[in-house]
Amino acid sequence: MQHVQPSILHWVAAQPQIASVAIFFAGALLAFQGFRFYRAALTLTAFALGWIGASIAAPMLGYPSEIIPFAVGAVAAGAALAFMVPAIPFVCGGLWAGLGFWLAEQCGFLATATLISAGLGGILGVLFAWLCPRATTLVLTALQGSALMIIGFAGAADLIMPSVASTFRAWALDQGLLTPLLMGMLFTAAYSVQASQTRGQIIVGAQRSVEDAI
């Protein structure tokens, strides 16, 4: 990826290391226990999507880029909090569109193909949320948590492994598929953990229902 990933890596490298540590542990909590905080995760994701979208559109439309993105993000977060069920497909579509855009840039696609990939990702995200609402909870939080863990590690590793941190950032900038592969492994592990925990809760709930009936 030529634009988004370098910007994120440079941003996290410039932040206080304690902030990177907080990002990493917040990502781990969201990745492996995200189904317990789904409403908060959905609200924060809606805010982030609204803020990013307004940050891109505001300068094009001639609006102040300092105030409008925050206002749009706040409105999106409030709408997601108030209307959670209708908001899920929109948030899922926006997140998958961003994922498609990122993956296309990582693969070196041209600008037109990158936009097409983002559009297809958004459509698939909406369809997935509509057809698989239960799995959407786990997929979204595992995906977000995995991304935050990588971002946090890129900044926090300077505390104990500065050479590893600098090497990782250099490889992430030079090797386009390194970060997607790492994120895919983290996502698989996080989704498996959440799926096993929620499956256990469903089984226990069913057993209690049978016992109550008896």
N, C-alpha and C. Protein backbone atom coordinates (compact mmCIF):
# COMPACT_ATOMS: atom_id res chain seq x y z
N MET A 1 0.84 -1.19 0.00
CA MET A 1 0.00 0.00 0.00
C MET A 1 0.87 1.24 0.00
N GLN A 2 0.47 2.24 -0.80
CA GLN A 2 1.33 3.38 -1.01
C GLN A 2 0.92 4.61 -0.20
N HIS A 3 -0.27 4.63 0.37
CA HIS A 3 -0.73 5.84 1.02
C HIS A 3 -1.17 5.62 2.46
N VAL A 4 -2.13 4.75 2.69
CA VAL A 4 -2.74 4.63 4.00
C VAL A 4 -1.79 4.00 5.01
N GLN A 5 -1.21 2.86 4.66
CA GLN A 5 -0.38 2.16 5.64
C GLN A 5 0.85 2.98 6.05
N PRO A 6 1.60 3.58 5.13
CA PRO A 6 2.71 4.42 5.59
C PRO A 6 2.25 5.56 6.49
N SER A 7 1.10 6.15 6.20
CA SER A 7 0.59 7.24 7.03
C SER A 7 0.31 6.75 8.45
N ILE A 8 -0.29 5.54 8.56
CA ILE A 8 -0.60 4.99 9.87
C ILE A 8 0.67 4.66 10.64
N LEU A 9 1.64 4.03 9.96
CA LEU A 9 2.89 3.67 10.62
C LEU A 9 3.67 4.89 11.06
N HIS A 10 3.70 5.92 10.24
CA HIS A 10 4.39 7.15 10.62
C HIS A 10 3.67 7.84 11.78
N TRP A 11 2.34 7.77 11.75
CA TRP A 11 1.58 8.40 12.83
C TRP A 11 1.83 7.70 14.16
N VAL A 12 1.78 6.38 14.18
CA VAL A 12 1.95 5.66 15.44
C VAL A 12 3.38 5.78 15.94
N ALA A 13 4.35 5.89 15.03
CA ALA A 13 5.74 6.06 15.45
C ALA A 13 5.95 7.41 16.12
N ALA A 14 5.12 8.40 15.77
CA ALA A 14 5.26 9.73 16.35
C ALA A 14 4.50 9.90 17.66
N GLN A 15 3.68 8.93 18.03
CA GLN A 15 2.89 9.03 19.24
C GLN A 15 3.70 8.60 20.47
N PRO A 16 3.30 9.05 21.67
CA PRO A 16 3.95 8.54 22.89
C PRO A 16 3.81 7.02 22.96
N GLN A 17 4.84 6.36 23.43
CA GLN A 17 4.83 4.90 23.43
C GLN A 17 3.74 4.34 24.34
N ILE A 18 3.37 5.08 25.38
CA ILE A 18 2.29 4.61 26.25
C ILE A 18 0.98 4.53 25.49
N ALA A 19 0.80 5.44 24.51
CA ALA A 19 -0.40 5.40 23.68
C ALA A 19 -0.39 4.16 22.79
N SER A 20 0.77 3.79 22.27
CA SER A 20 0.88 2.59 21.44
C SER A 20 0.59 1.34 22.27
N VAL A 21 1.06 1.32 23.52
CA VAL A 21 0.78 0.19 24.40
C VAL A 21 -0.72 0.08 24.65
N ALA A 22 -1.37 1.23 24.88
CA ALA A 22 -2.81 1.23 25.11
C ALA A 22 -3.56 0.74 23.87
N ILE A 23 -3.10 1.15 22.69
CA ILE A 23 -3.73 0.70 21.44
C ILE A 23 -3.59 -0.81 21.29
N PHE A 24 -2.40 -1.33 21.61
CA PHE A 24 -2.17 -2.77 21.47
C PHE A 24 -3.09 -3.57 22.39
N PHE A 25 -3.17 -3.18 23.67
CA PHE A 25 -3.99 -3.94 24.61
C PHE A 25 -5.48 -3.75 24.34
N ALA A 26 -5.87 -2.57 23.87
CA ALA A 26 -7.26 -2.37 23.47
C ALA A 26 -7.59 -3.26 22.28
N GLY A 27 -6.64 -3.39 21.35
CA GLY A 27 -6.86 -4.28 20.21
C GLY A 27 -6.95 -5.74 20.62
N ALA A 28 -6.10 -6.16 21.57
CA ALA A 28 -6.16 -7.54 22.04
C ALA A 28 -7.48 -7.83 22.73
N LEU A 29 -7.96 -6.88 23.54
CA LEU A 29 -9.24 -7.06 24.22
C LEU A 29 -10.38 -7.13 23.21
N LEU A 30 -10.33 -6.28 22.22
CA LEU A 30 -11.38 -6.27 21.20
C LEU A 30 -11.32 -7.51 20.33
N ALA A 31 -10.11 -7.97 20.01
CA ALA A 31 -9.96 -9.13 19.13
C ALA A 31 -10.46 -10.41 19.78
N PHE A 32 -10.15 -10.60 21.06
CA PHE A 32 -10.44 -11.87 21.71
C PHE A 32 -11.67 -11.85 22.61
N GLN A 33 -12.17 -10.66 22.94
CA GLN A 33 -13.37 -10.54 23.77
C GLN A 33 -14.34 -9.51 23.19
N GLY A 34 -14.24 -9.28 21.90
CA GLY A 34 -15.01 -8.20 21.29
C GLY A 34 -16.51 -8.37 21.34
N PHE A 35 -17.00 -9.63 21.40
CA PHE A 35 -18.44 -9.83 21.44
C PHE A 35 -19.06 -9.27 22.71
N ARG A 36 -18.25 -9.05 23.74
CA ARG A 36 -18.76 -8.46 24.99
C ARG A 36 -18.88 -6.95 24.90
N PHE A 37 -18.21 -6.34 23.93
CA PHE A 37 -18.20 -4.88 23.80
C PHE A 37 -18.66 -4.45 22.41
N TYR A 38 -19.56 -5.23 21.84
CA TYR A 38 -19.91 -5.01 20.44
C TYR A 38 -20.57 -3.66 20.22
N ARG A 39 -21.45 -3.25 21.11
CA ARG A 39 -22.14 -1.97 20.94
C ARG A 39 -21.14 -0.82 20.95
N ALA A 40 -20.20 -0.85 21.90
CA ALA A 40 -19.19 0.22 21.95
C ALA A 40 -18.30 0.19 20.72
N ALA A 41 -17.93 -1.02 20.28
CA ALA A 41 -17.09 -1.14 19.09
C ALA A 41 -17.81 -0.62 17.85
N LEU A 42 -19.10 -0.93 17.75
CA LEU A 42 -19.88 -0.46 16.60
C LEU A 42 -19.97 1.06 16.60
N THR A 43 -20.19 1.65 17.77
CA THR A 43 -20.30 3.10 17.86
C THR A 43 -18.99 3.79 17.50
N LEU A 44 -17.88 3.27 18.02
CA LEU A 44 -16.58 3.86 17.72
C LEU A 44 -16.22 3.70 16.25
N THR A 45 -16.59 2.56 15.67
CA THR A 45 -16.32 2.34 14.25
C THR A 45 -17.13 3.31 13.40
N ALA A 46 -18.39 3.53 13.76
CA ALA A 46 -19.21 4.49 13.03
C ALA A 46 -18.62 5.89 13.11
N PHE A 47 -18.12 6.26 14.29
CA PHE A 47 -17.46 7.56 14.43
C PHE A 47 -16.24 7.66 13.53
N ALA A 48 -15.41 6.59 13.53
CA ALA A 48 -14.19 6.61 12.72
C ALA A 48 -14.51 6.69 11.23
N LEU A 49 -15.51 5.93 10.78
CA LEU A 49 -15.89 5.96 9.37
C LEU A 49 -16.43 7.34 8.98
N GLY A 50 -17.27 7.91 9.83
CA GLY A 50 -17.78 9.25 9.55
C GLY A 50 -16.69 10.29 9.52
N TRP A 51 -15.75 10.18 10.46
CA TRP A 51 -14.64 11.14 10.52
C TRP A 51 -13.75 11.02 9.30
N ILE A 52 -13.42 9.79 8.89
CA ILE A 52 -12.55 9.59 7.72
C ILE A 52 -13.23 10.08 6.45
N GLY A 53 -14.50 9.69 6.29
CA GLY A 53 -15.22 10.12 5.10
C GLY A 53 -15.34 11.63 5.00
N ALA A 54 -15.64 12.29 6.12
CA ALA A 54 -15.76 13.74 6.11
C ALA A 54 -14.40 14.41 5.91
N SER A 55 -13.35 13.80 6.43
CA SER A 55 -12.00 14.37 6.25
C SER A 55 -11.60 14.37 4.78
N ILE A 56 -12.07 13.37 4.05
CA ILE A 56 -11.76 13.30 2.62
C ILE A 56 -12.65 14.25 1.83
N ALA A 57 -13.94 14.30 2.21
CA ALA A 57 -14.90 15.07 1.41
C ALA A 57 -14.88 16.57 1.73
N ALA A 58 -14.60 16.94 2.98
CA ALA A 58 -14.69 18.34 3.39
C ALA A 58 -13.80 19.27 2.55
N PRO A 59 -12.52 18.95 2.36
CA PRO A 59 -11.69 19.86 1.53
C PRO A 59 -12.18 19.96 0.09
N MET A 60 -12.73 18.87 -0.44
CA MET A 60 -13.23 18.91 -1.82
C MET A 60 -14.44 19.83 -1.95
N LEU A 61 -15.24 19.90 -0.87
CA LEU A 61 -16.45 20.72 -0.91
C LEU A 61 -16.22 22.12 -0.37
N GLY A 62 -15.01 22.39 0.11
CA GLY A 62 -14.70 23.72 0.60
C GLY A 62 -15.11 23.98 2.03
N TYR A 63 -15.38 22.94 2.81
CA TYR A 63 -15.74 23.10 4.21
C TYR A 63 -14.50 22.97 5.09
N PRO A 64 -14.55 23.56 6.29
CA PRO A 64 -13.38 23.46 7.18
C PRO A 64 -13.12 22.01 7.59
N SER A 65 -11.89 21.56 7.38
CA SER A 65 -11.56 20.17 7.66
C SER A 65 -11.25 19.92 9.13
N GLU A 66 -11.29 20.96 9.97
CA GLU A 66 -11.02 20.76 11.39
C GLU A 66 -12.28 20.44 12.18
N ILE A 67 -13.42 21.00 11.76
CA ILE A 67 -14.65 20.87 12.54
C ILE A 67 -15.60 19.84 11.93
N ILE A 68 -15.78 19.87 10.63
CA ILE A 68 -16.77 19.04 9.95
C ILE A 68 -16.53 17.54 10.21
N PRO A 69 -15.31 17.02 10.08
CA PRO A 69 -15.12 15.57 10.30
C PRO A 69 -15.54 15.13 11.69
N PHE A 70 -15.21 15.91 12.71
CA PHE A 70 -15.61 15.54 14.07
C PHE A 70 -17.13 15.56 14.21
N ALA A 71 -17.78 16.57 13.63
CA ALA A 71 -19.23 16.67 13.72
C ALA A 71 -19.90 15.50 13.01
N VAL A 72 -19.42 15.17 11.82
CA VAL A 72 -20.00 14.05 11.07
C VAL A 72 -19.77 12.74 11.82
N GLY A 73 -18.56 12.57 12.37
CA GLY A 73 -18.28 11.36 13.14
C GLY A 73 -19.18 11.24 14.35
N ALA A 74 -19.42 12.35 15.05
CA ALA A 74 -20.30 12.32 16.22
C ALA A 74 -21.73 11.96 15.83
N VAL A 75 -22.20 12.51 14.72
CA VAL A 75 -23.55 12.17 14.24
C VAL A 75 -23.64 10.70 13.88
N ALA A 76 -22.63 10.18 13.19
CA ALA A 76 -22.62 8.77 12.81
C ALA A 76 -22.60 7.87 14.04
N ALA A 77 -21.80 8.24 15.05
CA ALA A 77 -21.74 7.45 16.28
C ALA A 77 -23.08 7.48 17.01
N GLY A 78 -23.71 8.66 17.06
CA GLY A 78 -25.02 8.75 17.72
C GLY A 78 -26.08 7.95 17.00
N ALA A 79 -26.04 7.97 15.67
CA ALA A 79 -27.01 7.19 14.89
C ALA A 79 -26.80 5.70 15.10
N ALA A 80 -25.53 5.26 15.14
CA ALA A 80 -25.25 3.84 15.37
C ALA A 80 -25.69 3.40 16.75
N LEU A 81 -25.53 4.29 17.73
CA LEU A 81 -25.93 3.95 19.10
C LEU A 81 -27.44 3.90 19.24
N ALA A 82 -28.12 4.81 18.57
CA ALA A 82 -29.58 4.88 18.69
C ALA A 82 -30.28 3.84 17.83
N PHE A 83 -29.72 3.54 16.66
CA PHE A 83 -30.34 2.59 15.74
C PHE A 83 -29.32 1.49 15.40
N MET A 84 -29.05 0.66 16.36
CA MET A 84 -27.95 -0.29 16.24
C MET A 84 -28.17 -1.29 15.11
N VAL A 85 -29.35 -1.90 15.05
CA VAL A 85 -29.60 -2.95 14.06
C VAL A 85 -29.51 -2.41 12.64
N PRO A 86 -30.17 -1.29 12.29
CA PRO A 86 -30.02 -0.78 10.92
C PRO A 86 -28.61 -0.28 10.62
N ALA A 87 -27.86 0.10 11.66
CA ALA A 87 -26.53 0.65 11.43
C ALA A 87 -25.49 -0.42 11.12
N ILE A 88 -25.75 -1.65 11.54
CA ILE A 88 -24.75 -2.71 11.38
C ILE A 88 -24.36 -2.91 9.92
N PRO A 89 -25.29 -3.05 8.97
CA PRO A 89 -24.87 -3.23 7.57
C PRO A 89 -24.06 -2.06 7.02
N PHE A 90 -24.42 -0.83 7.41
CA PHE A 90 -23.69 0.33 6.93
C PHE A 90 -22.26 0.35 7.48
N VAL A 91 -22.13 0.06 8.77
CA VAL A 91 -20.79 0.04 9.38
C VAL A 91 -19.96 -1.09 8.80
N CYS A 92 -20.58 -2.26 8.64
CA CYS A 92 -19.88 -3.40 8.07
C CYS A 92 -19.46 -3.10 6.63
N GLY A 93 -20.35 -2.49 5.86
CA GLY A 93 -20.01 -2.13 4.49
C GLY A 93 -18.88 -1.13 4.41
N GLY A 94 -18.90 -0.13 5.29
CA GLY A 94 -17.83 0.85 5.30
C GLY A 94 -16.49 0.25 5.69
N LEU A 95 -16.52 -0.64 6.67
CA LEU A 95 -15.29 -1.28 7.12
C LEU A 95 -14.71 -2.19 6.04
N TRP A 96 -15.57 -2.95 5.39
CA TRP A 96 -15.11 -3.84 4.33
C TRP A 96 -14.65 -3.06 3.10
N ALA A 97 -15.26 -1.91 2.85
CA ALA A 97 -14.79 -1.06 1.75
C ALA A 97 -13.37 -0.57 2.03
N GLY A 98 -13.13 -0.16 3.27
CA GLY A 98 -11.78 0.25 3.64
C GLY A 98 -10.80 -0.90 3.54
N LEU A 99 -11.24 -2.08 3.93
CA LEU A 99 -10.38 -3.26 3.84
C LEU A 99 -10.05 -3.58 2.38
N GLY A 100 -11.06 -3.50 1.51
CA GLY A 100 -10.82 -3.75 0.09
C GLY A 100 -9.88 -2.72 -0.51
N PHE A 101 -10.03 -1.47 -0.12
CA PHE A 101 -9.14 -0.41 -0.61
C PHE A 101 -7.71 -0.67 -0.17
N TRP A 102 -7.54 -1.03 1.11
CA TRP A 102 -6.20 -1.29 1.67
C TRP A 102 -5.54 -2.49 0.99
N LEU A 103 -6.28 -3.57 0.84
CA LEU A 103 -5.71 -4.76 0.22
C LEU A 103 -5.33 -4.50 -1.24
N ALA A 104 -6.17 -3.73 -1.95
CA ALA A 104 -5.86 -3.43 -3.35
C ALA A 104 -4.59 -2.61 -3.45
N GLU A 105 -4.41 -1.64 -2.57
CA GLU A 105 -3.19 -0.84 -2.59
C GLU A 105 -1.98 -1.68 -2.18
N GLN A 106 -2.18 -2.61 -1.24
CA GLN A 106 -1.07 -3.49 -0.85
C GLN A 106 -0.61 -4.35 -2.02
N CYS A 107 -1.55 -4.72 -2.87
CA CYS A 107 -1.21 -5.55 -4.04
C CYS A 107 -0.71 -4.73 -5.21
N GLY A 108 -0.68 -3.40 -5.05
CA GLY A 108 -0.15 -2.56 -6.12
C GLY A 108 -1.12 -2.28 -7.24
N PHE A 109 -2.43 -2.35 -6.99
CA PHE A 109 -3.40 -2.08 -8.03
C PHE A 109 -3.38 -0.61 -8.42
N LEU A 110 -3.83 -0.32 -9.63
CA LEU A 110 -3.97 1.05 -10.06
C LEU A 110 -5.14 1.72 -9.34
N ALA A 111 -5.23 3.04 -9.48
CA ALA A 111 -6.23 3.80 -8.73
C ALA A 111 -7.65 3.34 -9.04
N THR A 112 -7.95 3.12 -10.31
CA THR A 112 -9.31 2.70 -10.69
C THR A 112 -9.64 1.34 -10.11
N ALA A 113 -8.70 0.40 -10.21
CA ALA A 113 -8.93 -0.94 -9.66
C ALA A 113 -9.05 -0.89 -8.15
N THR A 114 -8.33 0.03 -7.52
CA THR A 114 -8.42 0.17 -6.06
C THR A 114 -9.81 0.63 -5.64
N LEU A 115 -10.35 1.60 -6.37
CA LEU A 115 -11.70 2.08 -6.06
C LEU A 115 -12.74 1.01 -6.32
N ILE A 116 -12.57 0.24 -7.39
CA ILE A 116 -13.49 -0.87 -7.66
C ILE A 116 -13.43 -1.90 -6.55
N SER A 117 -12.23 -2.20 -6.09
CA SER A 117 -12.07 -3.15 -4.99
C SER A 117 -12.76 -2.65 -3.73
N ALA A 118 -12.63 -1.36 -3.46
CA ALA A 118 -13.31 -0.78 -2.30
C ALA A 118 -14.82 -0.89 -2.44
N GLY A 119 -15.35 -0.62 -3.64
CA GLY A 119 -16.79 -0.73 -3.85
C GLY A 119 -17.29 -2.15 -3.69
N LEU A 120 -16.56 -3.11 -4.26
CA LEU A 120 -16.95 -4.51 -4.11
C LEU A 120 -16.87 -4.95 -2.65
N GLY A 121 -15.84 -4.48 -1.96
CA GLY A 121 -15.74 -4.81 -0.54
C GLY A 121 -16.91 -4.27 0.25
N GLY A 122 -17.33 -3.04 -0.05
CA GLY A 122 -18.48 -2.46 0.65
C GLY A 122 -19.76 -3.24 0.39
N ILE A 123 -19.97 -3.65 -0.86
CA ILE A 123 -21.16 -4.44 -1.19
C ILE A 123 -21.15 -5.78 -0.47
N LEU A 124 -20.01 -6.44 -0.49
CA LEU A 124 -19.89 -7.73 0.20
C LEU A 124 -20.10 -7.58 1.71
N GLY A 125 -19.61 -6.46 2.26
CA GLY A 125 -19.79 -6.23 3.69
C GLY A 125 -21.26 -6.08 4.06
N VAL A 126 -22.00 -5.33 3.26
CA VAL A 126 -23.43 -5.16 3.52
C VAL A 126 -24.16 -6.49 3.40
N LEU A 127 -23.85 -7.26 2.35
CA LEU A 127 -24.50 -8.56 2.17
C LEU A 127 -24.16 -9.51 3.31
N PHE A 128 -22.91 -9.49 3.75
CA PHE A 128 -22.51 -10.37 4.85
C PHE A 128 -23.26 -10.03 6.13
N ALA A 129 -23.36 -8.74 6.44
CA ALA A 129 -24.08 -8.33 7.64
C ALA A 129 -25.55 -8.70 7.56
N TRP A 130 -26.12 -8.67 6.37
CA TRP A 130 -27.54 -8.99 6.19
C TRP A 130 -27.78 -10.49 6.27
N LEU A 131 -26.88 -11.29 5.67
CA LEU A 131 -27.08 -12.74 5.61
C LEU A 131 -26.55 -13.46 6.86
N CYS A 132 -25.53 -12.92 7.49
CA CYS A 132 -24.90 -13.60 8.64
C CYS A 132 -24.78 -12.62 9.81
N PRO A 133 -25.89 -12.19 10.39
CA PRO A 133 -25.81 -11.18 11.46
C PRO A 133 -25.06 -11.66 12.69
N ARG A 134 -25.20 -12.95 13.04
CA ARG A 134 -24.52 -13.44 14.24
C ARG A 134 -23.00 -13.46 14.04
N ALA A 135 -22.56 -13.92 12.87
CA ALA A 135 -21.13 -13.96 12.61
C ALA A 135 -20.54 -12.56 12.44
N THR A 136 -21.35 -11.59 12.04
CA THR A 136 -20.86 -10.23 11.84
C THR A 136 -20.27 -9.67 13.12
N THR A 137 -20.88 -9.97 14.26
CA THR A 137 -20.37 -9.50 15.54
C THR A 137 -18.94 -9.94 15.75
N LEU A 138 -18.67 -11.20 15.50
CA LEU A 138 -17.33 -11.74 15.73
C LEU A 138 -16.35 -11.25 14.67
N VAL A 139 -16.80 -11.20 13.42
CA VAL A 139 -15.90 -10.81 12.33
C VAL A 139 -15.45 -9.36 12.49
N LEU A 140 -16.39 -8.47 12.77
CA LEU A 140 -16.04 -7.05 12.88
C LEU A 140 -15.07 -6.80 14.03
N THR A 141 -15.37 -7.35 15.20
CA THR A 141 -14.51 -7.08 16.35
C THR A 141 -13.15 -7.76 16.20
N ALA A 142 -13.12 -8.98 15.66
CA ALA A 142 -11.84 -9.66 15.44
C ALA A 142 -11.00 -8.90 14.43
N LEU A 143 -11.64 -8.38 13.40
CA LEU A 143 -10.93 -7.63 12.37
C LEU A 143 -10.37 -6.32 12.93
N GLN A 144 -11.20 -5.60 13.65
CA GLN A 144 -10.75 -4.34 14.23
C GLN A 144 -9.64 -4.58 15.25
N GLY A 145 -9.84 -5.57 16.11
CA GLY A 145 -8.84 -5.84 17.14
C GLY A 145 -7.50 -6.24 16.54
N SER A 146 -7.52 -7.05 15.49
CA SER A 146 -6.28 -7.47 14.84
C SER A 146 -5.53 -6.27 14.27
N ALA A 147 -6.27 -5.37 13.63
CA ALA A 147 -5.64 -4.17 13.07
C ALA A 147 -5.03 -3.30 14.17
N LEU A 148 -5.75 -3.12 15.27
CA LEU A 148 -5.23 -2.30 16.37
C LEU A 148 -4.01 -2.94 17.02
N MET A 149 -3.99 -4.27 17.10
CA MET A 149 -2.83 -4.95 17.68
C MET A 149 -1.58 -4.69 16.85
N ILE A 150 -1.72 -4.75 15.52
CA ILE A 150 -0.57 -4.51 14.65
C ILE A 150 -0.11 -3.06 14.75
N ILE A 151 -1.07 -2.13 14.75
CA ILE A 151 -0.72 -0.72 14.86
C ILE A 151 -0.04 -0.44 16.19
N GLY A 152 -0.60 -0.98 17.27
CA GLY A 152 0.00 -0.78 18.58
C GLY A 152 1.38 -1.40 18.69
N PHE A 153 1.55 -2.58 18.12
CA PHE A 153 2.86 -3.23 18.17
C PHE A 153 3.91 -2.41 17.43
N ALA A 154 3.52 -1.84 16.29
CA ALA A 154 4.46 -1.05 15.50
C ALA A 154 5.03 0.11 16.29
N GLY A 155 4.25 0.66 17.24
CA GLY A 155 4.74 1.76 18.05
C GLY A 155 5.28 1.33 19.40
N ALA A 156 4.64 0.31 20.01
CA ALA A 156 5.02 -0.09 21.36
C ALA A 156 6.29 -0.93 21.41
N ALA A 157 6.63 -1.60 20.33
CA ALA A 157 7.80 -2.47 20.34
C ALA A 157 9.09 -1.69 20.57
N ASP A 158 9.07 -0.38 20.34
CA ASP A 158 10.26 0.44 20.59
C ASP A 158 10.66 0.43 22.06
N LEU A 159 9.71 0.11 22.96
CA LEU A 159 10.00 0.10 24.38
C LEU A 159 10.99 -1.00 24.74
N ILE A 160 10.82 -2.19 24.18
CA ILE A 160 11.64 -3.33 24.58
C ILE A 160 12.44 -3.92 23.42
N MET A 161 11.98 -3.71 22.19
CA MET A 161 12.67 -4.27 21.02
C MET A 161 12.76 -3.23 19.92
N PRO A 162 13.55 -2.18 20.12
CA PRO A 162 13.59 -1.10 19.11
C PRO A 162 14.06 -1.58 17.75
N SER A 163 15.01 -2.51 17.72
CA SER A 163 15.49 -2.99 16.43
C SER A 163 14.41 -3.79 15.70
N VAL A 164 13.64 -4.59 16.47
CA VAL A 164 12.55 -5.35 15.89
C VAL A 164 11.47 -4.41 15.36
N ALA A 165 11.17 -3.37 16.12
CA ALA A 165 10.13 -2.42 15.70
C ALA A 165 10.53 -1.72 14.40
N SER A 166 11.78 -1.25 14.33
CA SER A 166 12.22 -0.56 13.11
C SER A 166 12.26 -1.51 11.92
N THR A 167 12.67 -2.77 12.19
CA THR A 167 12.69 -3.76 11.10
C THR A 167 11.28 -4.07 10.61
N PHE A 168 10.35 -4.21 11.55
CA PHE A 168 8.97 -4.49 11.16
C PHE A 168 8.40 -3.36 10.33
N ARG A 169 8.62 -2.13 10.74
CA ARG A 169 8.10 -1.00 9.97
C ARG A 169 8.72 -0.94 8.58
N ALA A 170 10.02 -1.23 8.50
CA ALA A 170 10.67 -1.22 7.19
C ALA A 170 10.12 -2.32 6.29
N TRP A 171 9.96 -3.52 6.85
CA TRP A 171 9.40 -4.62 6.06
C TRP A 171 7.96 -4.33 5.65
N ALA A 172 7.18 -3.75 6.57
CA ALA A 172 5.78 -3.45 6.26
C ALA A 172 5.66 -2.45 5.13
N LEU A 173 6.64 -1.53 5.02
CA LEU A 173 6.60 -0.55 3.94
C LEU A 173 7.10 -1.14 2.63
N ASP A 174 8.04 -2.09 2.72
CA ASP A 174 8.65 -2.64 1.50
C ASP A 174 7.92 -3.87 0.97
N GLN A 175 7.40 -4.70 1.88
CA GLN A 175 6.73 -5.94 1.49
C GLN A 175 5.22 -5.76 1.57
N GLY A 176 4.56 -5.63 0.45
CA GLY A 176 3.15 -5.27 0.44
C GLY A 176 2.23 -6.24 1.14
N LEU A 177 2.54 -7.55 1.08
CA LEU A 177 1.63 -8.55 1.62
C LEU A 177 1.99 -8.98 3.05
N LEU A 178 3.04 -8.41 3.62
CA LEU A 178 3.44 -8.82 4.97
C LEU A 178 2.35 -8.51 6.00
N THR A 179 1.90 -7.28 6.01
CA THR A 179 0.89 -6.88 7.00
C THR A 179 -0.45 -7.60 6.79
N PRO A 180 -0.96 -7.74 5.56
CA PRO A 180 -2.19 -8.52 5.39
C PRO A 180 -2.06 -9.96 5.87
N LEU A 181 -0.93 -10.61 5.63
CA LEU A 181 -0.74 -11.99 6.10
C LEU A 181 -0.73 -12.04 7.62
N LEU A 182 -0.02 -11.11 8.24
CA LEU A 182 0.02 -11.08 9.71
C LEU A 182 -1.36 -10.79 10.28
N MET A 183 -2.05 -9.87 9.67
CA MET A 183 -3.39 -9.55 10.13
C MET A 183 -4.34 -10.72 9.93
N GLY A 184 -4.17 -11.46 8.83
CA GLY A 184 -4.99 -12.63 8.59
C GLY A 184 -4.78 -13.70 9.65
N MET A 185 -3.54 -13.92 10.08
CA MET A 185 -3.27 -14.90 11.13
C MET A 185 -3.87 -14.47 12.46
N LEU A 186 -3.72 -13.20 12.80
CA LEU A 186 -4.31 -12.70 14.04
C LEU A 186 -5.83 -12.78 14.00
N PHE A 187 -6.40 -12.43 12.85
CA PHE A 187 -7.86 -12.48 12.72
C PHE A 187 -8.38 -13.91 12.88
N THR A 188 -7.69 -14.87 12.28
CA THR A 188 -8.12 -16.27 12.39
C THR A 188 -8.10 -16.74 13.83
N ALA A 189 -7.02 -16.41 14.55
CA ALA A 189 -6.93 -16.80 15.95
C ALA A 189 -8.00 -16.12 16.80
N ALA A 190 -8.19 -14.81 16.57
CA ALA A 190 -9.17 -14.07 17.37
C ALA A 190 -10.58 -14.55 17.10
N TYR A 191 -10.91 -14.79 15.82
CA TYR A 191 -12.25 -15.27 15.49
C TYR A 191 -12.50 -16.64 16.10
N SER A 192 -11.50 -17.52 16.09
CA SER A 192 -11.66 -18.86 16.65
C SER A 192 -11.92 -18.79 18.15
N VAL A 193 -11.19 -17.91 18.84
CA VAL A 193 -11.39 -17.77 20.29
C VAL A 193 -12.79 -17.25 20.60
N GLN A 194 -13.21 -16.21 19.90
CA GLN A 194 -14.54 -15.66 20.15
C GLN A 194 -15.63 -16.65 19.79
N ALA A 195 -15.45 -17.39 18.68
CA ALA A 195 -16.47 -18.35 18.27
C ALA A 195 -16.61 -19.47 19.30
N SER A 196 -15.49 -19.94 19.85
CA SER A 196 -15.56 -21.01 20.85
C SER A 196 -16.21 -20.51 22.13
N GLN A 197 -15.95 -19.27 22.51
CA GLN A 197 -16.55 -18.73 23.73
C GLN A 197 -18.05 -18.51 23.56
N THR A 198 -18.46 -17.96 22.44
CA THR A 198 -19.89 -17.74 22.23
C THR A 198 -20.63 -19.06 22.05
N ARG A 199 -19.98 -20.04 21.44
CA ARG A 199 -20.61 -21.35 21.29
C ARG A 199 -20.84 -21.98 22.65
N GLY A 200 -19.88 -21.82 23.55
CA GLY A 200 -20.06 -22.34 24.89
C GLY A 200 -21.20 -21.67 25.62
N GLN A 201 -21.35 -20.35 25.43
CA GLN A 201 -22.46 -19.64 26.06
C GLN A 201 -23.80 -20.12 25.53
N ILE A 202 -23.86 -20.41 24.23
CA ILE A 202 -25.11 -20.89 23.64
C ILE A 202 -25.47 -22.26 24.20
N ILE A 203 -24.45 -23.14 24.32
CA ILE A 203 -24.71 -24.48 24.84
C ILE A 203 -25.17 -24.42 26.28
N VAL A 204 -24.49 -23.60 27.10
CA VAL A 204 -24.89 -23.47 28.50
C VAL A 204 -26.30 -22.92 28.61
N GLY A 205 -26.63 -21.92 27.78
CA GLY A 205 -27.98 -21.37 27.80
C GLY A 205 -29.02 -22.39 27.42
N ALA A 206 -28.72 -23.24 26.43
CA ALA A 206 -29.66 -24.28 26.03
C ALA A 206 -29.84 -25.30 27.15
N GLN A 207 -28.76 -25.68 27.82
CA GLN A 207 -28.85 -26.64 28.92
C GLN A 207 -29.71 -26.09 30.05
N ARG A 208 -29.53 -24.81 30.35
CA ARG A 208 -30.33 -24.21 31.42
C ARG A 208 -31.80 -24.17 31.05
N SER A 209 -32.09 -23.91 29.78
CA SER A 209 -33.48 -23.90 29.34
C SER A 209 -34.12 -25.26 29.49
N VAL A 210 -33.36 -26.31 29.15
CA VAL A 210 -33.88 -27.68 29.30
C VAL A 210 -34.10 -28.01 30.76
N GLU A 211 -33.15 -27.62 31.63
CA GLU A 211 -33.29 -27.89 33.05
C GLU A 211 -34.49 -27.16 33.63
N ASP A 212 -34.69 -25.92 33.20
CA ASP A 212 -35.86 -25.17 33.69
C ASP A 212 -37.16 -25.83 33.23
N ALA A 213 -37.15 -26.33 31.99
CA ALA A 213 -38.36 -26.99 31.49
C ALA A 213 -38.67 -28.25 32.28
N ILE A 214 -37.59 -28.98 32.64
CA ILE A 214 -37.81 -30.21 33.41
C ILE A 214 -38.28 -29.88 34.82
